[in-house]
N, C-alpha and C. Protein backbone atom coordinates (compact mmCIF):
# COMPACT_ATOMS: atom_id res chain seq x y z
N UNK A 1 1.05 -1.55 -0.13
CA UNK A 1 -0.15 0.12 0.11
C UNK A 1 0.78 1.39 0.03
N UNK A 2 1.95 1.30 0.57
CA UNK A 2 2.81 2.43 0.79
C UNK A 2 3.39 3.01 -0.45
N UNK A 3 3.85 2.06 -1.21
CA UNK A 3 3.81 2.48 -2.86
C UNK A 3 3.08 2.87 -3.78
N UNK A 4 1.57 2.97 -3.58
CA UNK A 4 0.90 2.90 -3.95
C UNK A 4 0.43 4.77 -3.77
N UNK A 5 0.92 4.91 -2.61
CA UNK A 5 0.65 6.51 -1.86
C UNK A 5 1.71 7.16 -2.52
N UNK A 6 3.04 6.60 -2.56
CA UNK A 6 4.24 7.07 -3.35
C UNK A 6 3.39 7.55 -4.76
N UNK A 7 2.93 6.69 -5.54
CA UNK A 7 2.96 6.98 -6.55
C UNK A 7 1.64 8.10 -7.30
N UNK A 8 0.74 8.15 -5.79
CA UNK A 8 -0.26 8.97 -6.05
C UNK A 8 0.26 10.04 -5.93
N UNK A 9 1.15 10.21 -5.40
CA UNK A 9 1.68 11.61 -4.41
C UNK A 9 2.54 12.09 -5.87
N UNK A 10 3.12 11.55 -6.31
CA UNK A 10 4.17 11.94 -7.80
C UNK A 10 3.06 12.04 -8.81
N UNK A 11 2.40 11.35 -8.89
CA UNK A 11 1.44 11.20 -10.17
C UNK A 11 0.12 11.85 -9.63
N UNK A 12 0.56 13.40 -9.50
CA UNK A 12 -1.35 14.06 -9.15
C UNK A 12 -2.25 14.27 -10.46
N UNK A 13 -3.26 14.31 -10.20
CA UNK A 13 -4.60 14.24 -11.39
C UNK A 13 -4.32 15.34 -12.11
N UNK A 14 -3.45 16.41 -11.42
CA UNK A 14 -3.36 17.44 -12.37
C UNK A 14 -2.21 17.26 -13.85
N UNK A 15 -0.93 16.54 -12.86
CA UNK A 15 -0.16 16.27 -13.96
C UNK A 15 -0.67 15.37 -14.84
N UNK A 16 -1.57 14.54 -14.46
CA UNK A 16 -1.99 13.21 -15.42
C UNK A 16 -3.44 14.25 -16.53
N UNK A 17 -4.21 15.11 -16.15
CA UNK A 17 -4.93 16.55 -16.83
C UNK A 17 -3.96 17.10 -17.52
N UNK A 18 -3.06 17.78 -17.26
CA UNK A 18 -1.60 17.94 -18.26
C UNK A 18 -1.56 17.73 -19.57
N UNK A 19 -1.83 16.04 -19.62
CA UNK A 19 -1.11 15.46 -20.69
C UNK A 19 -2.36 14.76 -21.58
N UNK A 20 -3.59 15.30 -21.05
CA UNK A 20 -4.87 14.86 -21.99
C UNK A 20 -5.11 15.65 -23.33
N UNK A 21 -5.12 14.89 -24.16
CA UNK A 21 -5.38 16.23 -25.47
C UNK A 21 -6.56 15.59 -26.28
N UNK A 22 -7.21 16.34 -26.95
CA UNK A 22 -8.25 15.90 -27.50
C UNK A 22 -7.64 15.69 -29.06
N UNK A 23 -7.55 14.56 -29.62
CA UNK A 23 -7.10 14.53 -31.19
C UNK A 23 -8.10 13.69 -32.02
N UNK A 24 -8.27 14.20 -33.09
CA UNK A 24 -9.93 13.04 -33.81
C UNK A 24 -10.97 12.71 -33.04
N UNK A 25 -11.09 14.01 -32.09
CA UNK A 25 -12.09 13.80 -31.27
C UNK A 25 -12.12 12.88 -29.89
N UNK A 26 -10.87 12.64 -29.97
CA UNK A 26 -10.90 11.64 -28.97
C UNK A 26 -9.50 11.97 -27.77
N UNK A 27 -9.84 11.75 -26.52
CA UNK A 27 -9.31 12.01 -25.71
C UNK A 27 -8.15 11.14 -25.37
N UNK A 28 -6.95 11.66 -25.89
CA UNK A 28 -5.52 10.57 -26.07
C UNK A 28 -4.69 11.36 -24.85
N UNK A 29 -3.61 10.15 -24.80
CA UNK A 29 -2.24 10.52 -24.03
C UNK A 29 -1.13 10.35 -25.28
N UNK A 30 0.01 10.80 -25.12
CA UNK A 30 1.14 10.75 -25.99
C UNK A 30 2.30 9.92 -25.38
N UNK A 31 2.73 8.89 -26.37
CA UNK A 31 3.77 7.97 -25.94
C UNK A 31 4.50 8.58 -25.16
N UNK A 32 4.92 9.57 -25.30
CA UNK A 32 6.35 9.96 -24.44
C UNK A 32 5.96 10.50 -23.10
N UNK A 33 4.67 10.75 -22.67
CA UNK A 33 4.25 11.50 -21.94
C UNK A 33 3.72 10.19 -20.95
N UNK A 34 3.21 9.45 -21.52
CA UNK A 34 2.93 7.99 -20.64
C UNK A 34 4.14 7.90 -20.30
N UNK A 35 5.26 7.32 -21.18
CA UNK A 35 6.71 6.82 -20.69
C UNK A 35 7.27 7.43 -19.61
N UNK A 36 7.16 8.60 -19.57
CA UNK A 36 7.59 9.15 -18.43
C UNK A 36 6.63 9.22 -16.62
N UNK A 37 5.61 9.17 -17.22
CA UNK A 37 4.44 8.66 -16.25
C UNK A 37 5.27 7.12 -15.62
N UNK A 38 5.26 6.28 -16.78
CA UNK A 38 5.41 4.59 -15.99
C UNK A 38 7.27 4.68 -16.05
N UNK A 39 8.22 5.89 -15.99
CA UNK A 39 9.33 5.63 -15.88
C UNK A 39 9.77 4.62 -16.55
N UNK A 40 9.82 4.90 -18.02
CA UNK A 40 10.35 4.27 -18.97
C UNK A 40 10.64 4.79 -20.28
N UNK A 41 11.81 4.33 -21.03
CA UNK A 41 11.87 5.12 -21.79
C UNK A 41 11.10 5.15 -22.98
N UNK A 42 10.45 5.91 -24.10
CA UNK A 42 9.71 6.09 -24.61
C UNK A 42 9.64 4.76 -25.67
N UNK A 43 10.39 4.58 -25.98
CA UNK A 43 11.33 3.31 -27.29
C UNK A 43 10.81 1.95 -26.65
N UNK A 44 11.15 2.02 -25.07
CA UNK A 44 10.80 0.66 -24.77
C UNK A 44 9.12 0.62 -24.82
N UNK A 45 8.16 1.32 -24.10
CA UNK A 45 6.88 1.35 -24.28
C UNK A 45 6.30 0.80 -25.90
N UNK A 46 6.93 1.65 -26.87
CA UNK A 46 7.09 1.68 -28.47
C UNK A 46 7.13 0.25 -28.74
N UNK A 47 8.40 -0.30 -28.12
CA UNK A 47 8.65 -1.58 -28.65
C UNK A 47 7.59 -2.91 -28.41
N UNK A 48 7.34 -2.25 -27.00
CA UNK A 48 6.24 -3.71 -26.33
C UNK A 48 4.44 -3.18 -26.87
N UNK A 49 4.66 -2.47 -26.98
CA UNK A 49 3.37 -2.18 -28.17
C UNK A 49 3.18 -2.53 -29.40
N UNK A 50 4.64 -2.20 -30.14
CA UNK A 50 4.66 -3.03 -31.21
C UNK A 50 4.67 -4.70 -31.57
N UNK A 51 5.10 -5.33 -30.32
CA UNK A 51 4.86 -7.02 -29.81
C UNK A 51 4.01 -7.33 -29.77
N UNK A 52 2.92 -6.54 -29.33
CA UNK A 52 1.54 -6.76 -28.72
C UNK A 52 0.44 -5.99 -29.85
N UNK A 53 0.70 -5.73 -31.10
CA UNK A 53 -0.24 -4.84 -31.72
C UNK A 53 -1.49 -5.36 -32.22
N UNK A 54 -1.54 -6.49 -31.72
CA UNK A 54 -3.10 -6.90 -31.98
C UNK A 54 -4.22 -6.65 -30.42
N UNK A 55 -3.33 -6.27 -29.70
CA UNK A 55 -3.92 -5.49 -28.39
C UNK A 55 -4.78 -4.33 -28.69
N UNK A 56 -3.84 -3.39 -29.61
CA UNK A 56 -4.18 -2.23 -29.98
C UNK A 56 -4.90 -1.64 -31.23
N UNK A 57 -6.44 -1.82 -31.08
CA UNK A 57 -6.77 -1.52 -32.73
C UNK A 57 -7.16 0.41 -32.98
N UNK A 58 -7.28 0.36 -33.90
CA UNK A 58 -7.17 2.00 -34.32
C UNK A 58 -7.64 2.90 -32.95
N UNK A 59 -9.29 2.13 -32.61
CA UNK A 59 -9.79 2.97 -31.55
C UNK A 59 -8.93 3.14 -30.04
N UNK A 60 -8.02 2.62 -30.13
CA UNK A 60 -7.68 2.44 -28.96
C UNK A 60 -6.15 3.03 -29.01
N UNK A 61 -5.41 2.96 -30.50
CA UNK A 61 -4.17 3.69 -30.33
C UNK A 61 -3.99 3.83 -31.73
N UNK A 62 -3.44 5.43 -32.09
CA UNK A 62 -3.10 5.42 -33.48
C UNK A 62 -1.67 6.65 -33.47
N UNK A 63 -1.46 6.30 -34.40
CA UNK A 63 0.37 7.17 -34.77
C UNK A 63 -0.35 8.70 -35.23
N UNK A 64 0.10 9.59 -34.73
CA UNK A 64 -0.56 10.87 -35.06
C UNK A 64 0.26 11.07 -36.68
N UNK A 65 -0.06 12.40 -37.29
CA UNK A 65 0.10 12.07 -38.72
C UNK A 65 1.12 13.85 -38.38
N UNK A 66 1.42 13.59 -39.45
CA UNK A 66 2.64 15.21 -39.21
C UNK A 66 1.78 16.14 -39.21
N UNK A 67 0.58 16.47 -39.73
CA UNK A 67 -0.34 17.96 -39.41
C UNK A 67 -0.62 17.51 -37.90
N UNK A 68 -1.07 16.78 -37.16
CA UNK A 68 -1.52 16.27 -36.02
C UNK A 68 -0.45 16.50 -35.21
N UNK A 69 1.09 16.27 -35.52
CA UNK A 69 2.30 16.61 -34.66
C UNK A 69 2.46 18.01 -34.69
N UNK A 70 2.63 18.56 -35.63
CA UNK A 70 2.78 20.08 -35.49
C UNK A 70 1.68 20.76 -35.02
N UNK A 71 0.07 20.61 -35.09
CA UNK A 71 -0.76 21.24 -34.06
C UNK A 71 -0.41 20.84 -32.36
N UNK A 72 0.23 19.97 -32.10
CA UNK A 72 0.44 19.19 -30.53
C UNK A 72 1.67 20.36 -30.81
N UNK A 73 2.95 19.91 -31.52
CA UNK A 73 4.24 21.02 -31.02
C UNK A 73 3.40 22.78 -30.66
N UNK A 74 2.30 23.07 -31.83
CA UNK A 74 2.15 24.56 -31.46
C UNK A 74 1.65 24.39 -30.09
N UNK A 75 0.50 23.69 -29.98
CA UNK A 75 -0.26 23.88 -28.76
C UNK A 75 0.13 23.49 -27.28
N UNK A 76 1.40 22.74 -27.02
CA UNK A 76 1.78 22.33 -26.06
C UNK A 76 3.65 22.95 -26.23
N UNK A 77 3.75 23.59 -26.96
CA UNK A 77 5.31 24.22 -26.81
C UNK A 77 6.52 23.16 -27.04
N UNK A 78 6.13 22.04 -27.40
CA UNK A 78 7.72 21.24 -27.37
C UNK A 78 8.23 21.37 -28.58
N UNK A 79 9.50 21.19 -28.10
CA UNK A 79 10.83 21.38 -28.83
C UNK A 79 10.86 20.22 -29.84
N UNK A 80 11.04 20.64 -31.17
CA UNK A 80 10.92 19.75 -31.93
C UNK A 80 12.86 19.37 -32.43
N UNK A 81 13.65 20.12 -31.69
CA UNK A 81 15.01 19.99 -31.97
C UNK A 81 15.25 18.76 -31.42
N UNK A 82 16.29 18.14 -32.11
CA UNK A 82 16.80 16.74 -31.81
C UNK A 82 16.02 15.82 -32.59
N UNK A 83 15.08 16.43 -33.38
CA UNK A 83 14.23 15.16 -34.06
C UNK A 83 13.69 14.15 -33.62
N UNK A 84 12.34 13.76 -34.20
CA UNK A 84 11.46 12.70 -34.15
C UNK A 84 11.55 12.05 -35.10
N UNK A 85 12.08 10.61 -34.94
CA UNK A 85 11.88 9.67 -36.06
C UNK A 85 10.56 9.48 -36.21
N UNK A 86 9.55 8.95 -35.60
CA UNK A 86 8.53 8.44 -35.78
C UNK A 86 7.54 9.26 -35.35
N UNK A 87 6.46 9.90 -35.72
CA UNK A 87 5.31 10.61 -35.14
C UNK A 87 4.71 9.98 -33.81
N UNK A 88 4.72 10.69 -32.92
CA UNK A 88 3.83 9.94 -31.77
C UNK A 88 2.87 9.18 -31.91
N UNK A 89 2.87 7.93 -30.97
CA UNK A 89 1.73 7.21 -30.63
C UNK A 89 0.43 8.15 -29.83
N UNK A 90 -0.83 7.96 -29.72
CA UNK A 90 -1.67 8.39 -29.07
C UNK A 90 -2.57 7.64 -28.64
N UNK A 91 -2.89 7.32 -27.11
CA UNK A 91 -3.65 6.18 -26.68
C UNK A 91 -4.94 6.50 -26.17
N UNK A 92 -5.95 6.16 -26.76
CA UNK A 92 -7.37 6.54 -25.98
C UNK A 92 -7.09 5.67 -24.34
N UNK A 93 -8.30 5.61 -23.77
CA UNK A 93 -8.64 5.40 -22.48
C UNK A 93 -8.45 3.83 -22.71
N UNK A 94 -8.96 3.34 -23.69
CA UNK A 94 -9.02 1.87 -23.91
C UNK A 94 -7.50 1.45 -23.87
N UNK A 95 -6.97 2.23 -24.67
CA UNK A 95 -5.03 1.91 -25.35
C UNK A 95 -4.60 1.76 -24.02
N UNK A 96 -4.62 3.16 -23.13
CA UNK A 96 -4.02 3.06 -21.89
C UNK A 96 -4.52 1.96 -20.82
N UNK A 97 -5.83 1.40 -20.45
CA UNK A 97 -6.17 0.39 -19.75
C UNK A 97 -5.30 -0.55 -20.44
N UNK A 98 -4.74 -1.28 -21.58
CA UNK A 98 -4.67 -2.11 -22.56
C UNK A 98 -3.42 -2.03 -22.21
N UNK A 99 -2.39 -1.14 -22.09
CA UNK A 99 -1.03 -1.05 -21.59
C UNK A 99 -0.54 -1.69 -20.45
N UNK A 100 -1.89 -1.48 -19.78
CA UNK A 100 -1.07 -2.68 -18.16
C UNK A 100 -1.02 -3.65 -17.90
N UNK A 101 -1.72 -4.19 -19.14
CA UNK A 101 -1.37 -5.69 -19.92
C UNK A 101 -0.21 -6.15 -20.14
N UNK A 102 0.27 -5.18 -20.90
CA UNK A 102 1.53 -5.69 -21.46
C UNK A 102 2.70 -5.08 -20.73
N UNK A 103 3.06 -3.46 -20.20
CA UNK A 103 3.96 -3.26 -19.09
C UNK A 103 3.68 -4.05 -17.69
N UNK A 104 4.07 -4.56 -17.02
CA UNK A 104 3.93 -5.35 -15.78
C UNK A 104 4.64 -4.56 -14.25
N UNK A 105 4.89 -3.47 -14.68
CA UNK A 105 5.85 -3.19 -13.92
C UNK A 105 4.57 -2.67 -12.69
N UNK A 106 5.02 -2.48 -11.49
CA UNK A 106 3.97 -1.84 -10.11
C UNK A 106 3.65 -0.52 -10.71
N UNK A 107 4.48 0.07 -11.10
CA UNK A 107 4.37 1.45 -10.86
C UNK A 107 3.42 1.82 -12.55
N UNK A 108 3.65 0.84 -13.53
CA UNK A 108 2.78 0.86 -14.67
C UNK A 108 1.39 0.41 -14.27
N UNK A 109 0.94 -0.22 -13.53
CA UNK A 109 -0.40 -0.62 -13.64
C UNK A 109 -1.06 0.63 -12.44
N UNK A 110 -0.36 0.87 -11.16
CA UNK A 110 -0.34 2.13 -10.50
C UNK A 110 -1.18 3.43 -11.18
N UNK A 111 0.11 3.52 -12.29
CA UNK A 111 -0.33 5.03 -13.02
C UNK A 111 -1.55 4.51 -13.75
N UNK A 112 -1.60 3.44 -14.35
CA UNK A 112 -2.89 3.24 -15.14
C UNK A 112 -4.01 3.45 -14.23
N UNK A 113 -4.19 2.84 -13.31
CA UNK A 113 -5.29 3.14 -12.53
C UNK A 113 -5.51 4.57 -12.15
N UNK A 114 -4.54 5.41 -12.13
CA UNK A 114 -4.70 6.78 -11.37
C UNK A 114 -5.22 7.21 -12.98
N UNK A 115 -4.49 7.26 -14.11
CA UNK A 115 -4.95 7.50 -15.30
C UNK A 115 -6.61 7.25 -15.37
N UNK A 116 -6.77 5.86 -15.61
CA UNK A 116 -8.41 5.29 -15.79
C UNK A 116 -9.23 6.44 -14.79
N UNK A 117 -8.82 6.39 -13.84
CA UNK A 117 -9.73 7.32 -12.83
C UNK A 117 -9.64 8.80 -13.23
N UNK A 118 -8.59 9.11 -13.86
CA UNK A 118 -9.17 11.22 -13.96
C UNK A 118 -9.68 10.83 -15.16
N UNK A 119 -10.15 9.94 -16.51
CA UNK A 119 -10.73 9.85 -17.63
C UNK A 119 -12.25 9.91 -17.29
N UNK A 120 -12.86 8.77 -16.24
CA UNK A 120 -13.38 8.83 -15.89
C UNK A 120 -14.30 9.78 -15.00
N UNK A 121 -13.89 10.73 -14.30
CA UNK A 121 -14.17 11.89 -13.45
C UNK A 121 -14.25 13.00 -14.72
N UNK A 122 -13.62 13.18 -15.78
CA UNK A 122 -13.59 13.91 -16.63
C UNK A 122 -14.64 13.64 -17.46
N UNK A 123 -15.37 12.12 -17.68
CA UNK A 123 -16.48 11.67 -18.47
C UNK A 123 -17.58 12.24 -17.57
N UNK A 124 -17.57 12.05 -15.82
CA UNK A 124 -18.71 12.43 -15.50
C UNK A 124 -18.77 14.34 -15.51
N UNK A 125 -17.63 15.34 -15.40
CA UNK A 125 -18.02 16.23 -15.23
C UNK A 125 -18.21 16.40 -16.92
N UNK A 126 -18.61 16.31 -17.41
CA UNK A 126 -18.67 16.40 -19.00
C UNK A 126 -20.49 15.95 -18.92
N UNK A 127 -20.69 14.63 -18.73
CA UNK A 127 -21.92 14.38 -18.39
C UNK A 127 -23.11 15.28 -17.40
N UNK A 128 -22.29 15.75 -16.21
CA UNK A 128 -23.05 17.01 -15.40
C UNK A 128 -23.53 18.17 -16.07
N UNK A 129 -22.26 18.67 -17.01
CA UNK A 129 -22.66 19.81 -17.60
C UNK A 129 -23.39 19.77 -18.56
N UNK A 130 -23.59 18.41 -19.32
CA UNK A 130 -24.27 18.16 -20.63
C UNK A 130 -26.13 18.39 -19.71
N UNK A 131 -25.65 18.03 -18.77
CA UNK A 131 -27.16 17.52 -17.90
C UNK A 131 -27.71 18.98 -17.78
N UNK A 132 -26.73 19.27 -17.01
CA UNK A 132 -27.29 20.95 -16.60
C UNK A 132 -27.78 22.19 -17.71
N UNK A 133 -26.91 22.01 -18.57
CA UNK A 133 -27.48 22.55 -19.99
C UNK A 133 -28.79 22.73 -20.30
N UNK A 134 -29.17 20.85 -20.38
CA UNK A 134 -30.33 20.65 -20.75
C UNK A 134 -31.50 21.16 -20.13
N UNK A 135 -31.05 20.92 -18.71
CA UNK A 135 -31.99 21.32 -17.65
C UNK A 135 -32.69 22.90 -17.86
N UNK A 136 -31.29 23.40 -18.08
CA UNK A 136 -31.45 25.16 -18.08
C UNK A 136 -32.27 25.40 -19.11
N UNK A 137 -32.36 24.49 -20.67
CA UNK A 137 -32.69 25.23 -21.75
C UNK A 137 -33.98 24.70 -21.75
N UNK A 138 -34.54 23.69 -21.00
CA UNK A 138 -36.17 22.82 -20.89
C UNK A 138 -36.42 24.22 -20.05
N UNK A 139 -36.35 24.72 -19.01
CA UNK A 139 -36.77 25.27 -17.90
C UNK A 139 -36.80 26.50 -18.90
N UNK A 140 -36.16 27.16 -19.54
CA UNK A 140 -36.38 28.53 -20.13
C UNK A 140 -37.24 28.23 -21.48
N UNK A 141 -37.51 27.19 -21.90
CA UNK A 141 -38.61 27.02 -22.62
C UNK A 141 -40.04 26.75 -22.07
N UNK A 142 -39.95 26.06 -21.31
CA UNK A 142 -41.48 25.95 -20.49
C UNK A 142 -41.66 26.94 -19.29
N UNK A 143 -40.94 28.14 -19.14
CA UNK A 143 -41.60 28.90 -18.31
C UNK A 143 -41.86 30.23 -19.14
N UNK A 144 -42.96 30.25 -18.86
CA UNK A 144 -43.35 31.70 -19.32
C UNK A 144 -43.23 33.16 -18.99
N UNK A 145 -42.45 33.20 -17.53
CA UNK A 145 -41.75 34.47 -16.59
C UNK A 145 -40.31 34.70 -17.71
N UNK A 146 -39.92 35.71 -18.07
CA UNK A 146 -39.07 36.08 -18.57
C UNK A 146 -37.69 35.78 -17.47
N UNK A 147 -36.85 35.06 -17.43
CA UNK A 147 -35.34 34.72 -16.85
C UNK A 147 -34.30 34.78 -17.88
N UNK A 148 -34.71 35.08 -18.98
CA UNK A 148 -33.81 35.22 -19.81
C UNK A 148 -32.03 35.73 -19.15
N UNK A 149 -32.40 36.87 -18.64
CA UNK A 149 -31.08 37.38 -17.86
C UNK A 149 -30.32 36.19 -16.76
N UNK A 150 -31.52 35.48 -15.95
CA UNK A 150 -30.57 34.45 -15.03
C UNK A 150 -30.01 33.30 -16.06
N UNK A 151 -30.72 32.79 -17.01
CA UNK A 151 -30.15 31.91 -17.80
C UNK A 151 -29.07 32.23 -18.59
N UNK A 152 -28.52 33.57 -18.75
CA UNK A 152 -27.78 33.96 -19.60
C UNK A 152 -26.60 34.25 -18.41
N UNK A 153 -26.61 34.51 -17.11
CA UNK A 153 -25.82 34.38 -16.12
C UNK A 153 -25.12 33.39 -15.97
N UNK A 154 -26.45 32.10 -15.86
CA UNK A 154 -25.93 30.66 -15.79
C UNK A 154 -25.06 30.10 -17.04
N UNK A 155 -25.59 30.47 -17.77
CA UNK A 155 -24.82 30.16 -18.86
C UNK A 155 -23.12 30.81 -19.06
N UNK A 156 -22.79 31.49 -18.39
CA UNK A 156 -21.64 32.39 -18.41
C UNK A 156 -21.18 31.71 -17.64
N UNK A 157 -21.25 30.99 -16.41
CA UNK A 157 -20.76 30.41 -15.28
C UNK A 157 -20.46 29.02 -15.88
N UNK A 158 -20.93 28.29 -16.63
CA UNK A 158 -21.17 27.02 -17.51
C UNK A 158 -19.94 27.30 -17.93
N UNK A 159 -20.08 28.00 -19.05
CA UNK A 159 -19.40 28.01 -20.36
C UNK A 159 -17.94 28.54 -19.61
N UNK A 160 -17.70 29.65 -18.89
CA UNK A 160 -16.31 30.34 -18.41
C UNK A 160 -15.69 29.12 -18.05
N UNK A 161 -14.21 29.60 -18.96
CA UNK A 161 -12.92 28.36 -18.31
C UNK A 161 -11.85 28.88 -18.12
N UNK A 162 -11.61 29.85 -17.73
CA UNK A 162 -10.40 30.84 -16.86
C UNK A 162 -10.78 31.51 -15.69
N UNK A 163 -10.58 31.11 -14.79
CA UNK A 163 -10.27 31.68 -13.55
C UNK A 163 -9.66 33.46 -13.76
N UNK A 164 -10.18 34.87 -13.40
CA UNK A 164 -9.66 36.03 -13.53
C UNK A 164 -7.99 35.59 -12.89
N UNK A 165 -7.24 36.13 -13.80
CA UNK A 165 -5.93 36.74 -13.33
C UNK A 165 -5.17 37.83 -12.16
N UNK A 166 -4.45 37.44 -11.97
CA UNK A 166 -4.05 38.46 -10.62
C UNK A 166 -3.01 39.59 -11.26
N UNK A 167 -3.31 40.34 -11.02
CA UNK A 167 -3.06 42.00 -11.60
C UNK A 167 -1.57 41.51 -11.31
N UNK A 168 -0.32 42.24 -12.32
CA UNK A 168 0.77 42.48 -12.41
C UNK A 168 1.60 43.28 -11.93
N UNK A 169 2.30 43.35 -11.11
CA UNK A 169 3.24 44.90 -10.74
C UNK A 169 3.44 44.70 -9.65
N UNK A 170 4.30 45.84 -9.04
CA UNK A 170 4.17 46.04 -7.46
C UNK A 170 3.69 46.58 -6.82
N UNK A 171 3.36 46.50 -5.37
CA UNK A 171 2.58 47.50 -5.02
C UNK A 171 3.32 48.26 -4.08
N UNK A 172 3.13 49.38 -3.44
CA UNK A 172 3.91 50.14 -2.83
C UNK A 172 2.66 50.71 -1.47
N UNK A 173 3.23 50.05 -0.53
CA UNK A 173 2.10 50.11 0.91
C UNK A 173 3.12 51.46 1.28
């Protein structure tokens, strides 16, 4: 149990969330990010996948195109210096779950458990927002009283993504 706590401390939900991207309309994690979390070399992870390729159909794992790789570099600001010989592999939630069957280290198993929990929480959050949006729209349609200002405020709260940033500069007291 102590090892589980160490992994949970080192691999926080925030670290995992930062490494989940939406590519081809799917939530995925990239091979090099998974390798860092599992504490293995990317090449080792990819060789294990290639040896067990029948476990990774297209909806579990796919290789990024040049265009997708360029977009990813722009999105997350990774350097292309040093050159990548092959475009990275992207793993969906199911592909990440399958990785635990080919990477047998205790760390890989514990990290996979954490990743699957994060994917599940993300799905629950999306479902909750969708349900809330549908209820608000239904109330708006069925209610004869004009609550358009209230509904507009609720929509702003639902769709607002960024918290207000602190003002920069020095204070002289």
